[in-house]
C-alpha atoms as a PDB file:
ATOM      1  CA  MET A   1     -25.031  -8.997  29.615  1.00  0.00           C
ATOM      2  CA  LYS A   2     -24.676 -10.727  26.632  1.00  0.00           C
ATOM      3  CA  PHE A   3     -21.444 -10.863  24.144  1.00  0.00           C
ATOM      4  CA  VAL A   4     -22.821 -11.472  20.933  1.00  0.00           C
ATOM      5  CA  LYS A   5     -26.503 -10.657  19.843  1.00  0.00           C
ATOM      6  CA  GLU A   6     -28.701 -12.417  17.363  1.00  0.00           C
ATOM      7  CA  GLU A   7     -30.154 -10.363  14.414  1.00  0.00           C
ATOM      8  CA  GLU A   8     -33.570 -11.696  15.157  1.00  0.00           C
ATOM      9  CA  GLU A   9     -32.923 -10.891  19.086  1.00  0.00           C
ATOM     10  CA  GLU A  10     -34.747  -7.963  20.754  1.00  0.00           C
ATOM     11  CA  ARG A  11     -32.191  -6.630  23.195  1.00  0.00           C
ATOM     12  CA  GLY A  12     -30.108  -3.816  23.975  1.00  0.00           C
ATOM     13  CA  ASP A  13     -27.525  -5.225  26.526  1.00  0.00           C
ATOM     14  CA  TYR A  14     -24.866  -6.729  23.773  1.00  0.00           C
ATOM     15  CA  ILE A  15     -21.349  -6.019  22.876  1.00  0.00           C
ATOM     16  CA  LEU A  16     -21.408  -7.464  19.226  1.00  0.00           C
ATOM     17  CA  GLN A  17     -24.074  -8.138  16.937  1.00  0.00           C
ATOM     18  CA  LYS A  18     -24.526 -11.145  14.492  1.00  0.00           C
ATOM     19  CA  ASP A  19     -24.820  -9.244  11.013  1.00  0.00           C
ATOM     20  CA  THR A  20     -22.911  -8.584   8.244  1.00  0.00           C
ATOM     21  CA  LYS A  21     -21.018  -5.656   9.108  1.00  0.00           C
ATOM     22  CA  THR A  22     -19.856  -6.970  12.182  1.00  0.00           C
ATOM     23  CA  LYS A  23     -18.401 -10.174  10.309  1.00  0.00           C
ATOM     24  CA  VAL A  24     -17.132  -7.942   7.850  1.00  0.00           C
ATOM     25  CA  GLY A  25     -15.265  -5.505  10.202  1.00  0.00           C
ATOM     26  CA  ALA A  26     -13.814  -8.507  12.216  1.00  0.00           C
ATOM     27  CA  THR A  27     -12.337 -10.012   9.384  1.00  0.00           C
ATOM     28  CA  PHE A  28     -10.746  -6.836   8.205  1.00  0.00           C
ATOM     29  CA  ILE A  29      -9.531  -6.531  11.408  1.00  0.00           C
ATOM     30  CA  ILE A  30      -7.987  -9.923  11.776  1.00  0.00           C
ATOM     31  CA  VAL A  31      -6.658  -9.872   8.304  1.00  0.00           C
ATOM     32  CA  THR A  32      -4.732  -6.797   8.960  1.00  0.00           C
ATOM     33  CA  LEU A  33      -3.232  -7.960  12.059  1.00  0.00           C
ATOM     34  CA  ILE A  34      -1.843 -11.025  10.309  1.00  0.00           C
ATOM     35  CA  ILE A  35      -0.564  -8.616   7.616  1.00  0.00           C
ATOM     36  CA  LEU A  36       1.302  -6.408  10.318  1.00  0.00           C
ATOM     37  CA  ILE A  37       2.679  -9.575  11.785  1.00  0.00           C
ATOM     38  CA  ILE A  38       4.250 -10.803   8.835  1.00  0.00           C
ATOM     39  CA  ALA A  39       5.521  -7.620   7.816  1.00  0.00           C
ATOM     40  CA  VAL A  40       7.181  -7.635  11.604  1.00  0.00           C
ATOM     41  CA  VAL A  41       8.750 -10.901  11.174  1.00  0.00           C
ATOM     42  CA  ILE A  42       9.859 -10.165   7.332  1.00  0.00           C
ATOM     43  CA  SER A  43      11.694  -6.630   8.525  1.00  0.00           C
ATOM     44  CA  GLY A  44      13.029  -8.576  11.334  1.00  0.00           C
ATOM     45  CA  ILE A  45      14.815 -11.358   8.852  1.00  0.00           C
ATOM     46  CA  PHE A  46      15.396  -8.656   6.665  1.00  0.00           C
ATOM     47  CA  PHE A  47      17.137  -6.293   9.287  1.00  0.00           C
ATOM     48  CA  GLU A  48      18.950  -9.374  10.941  1.00  0.00           C
ATOM     49  CA  TRP A  49      17.119  -8.891  14.302  1.00  0.00           C
ATOM     50  CA  TYR A  50      16.384 -12.591  14.495  1.00  0.00           C
END
């Protein structure tokens, strides 16, 4: 089983495909997680939990 499938490969046993949708989705998820982490840190500082 392959983790990432190239666009031109013809196979069915893969988890992610290297195409625009996958790249946009992964970027969106990473940016969202970073924003959430920053929000938690800022709220912790604001409420003096740290």
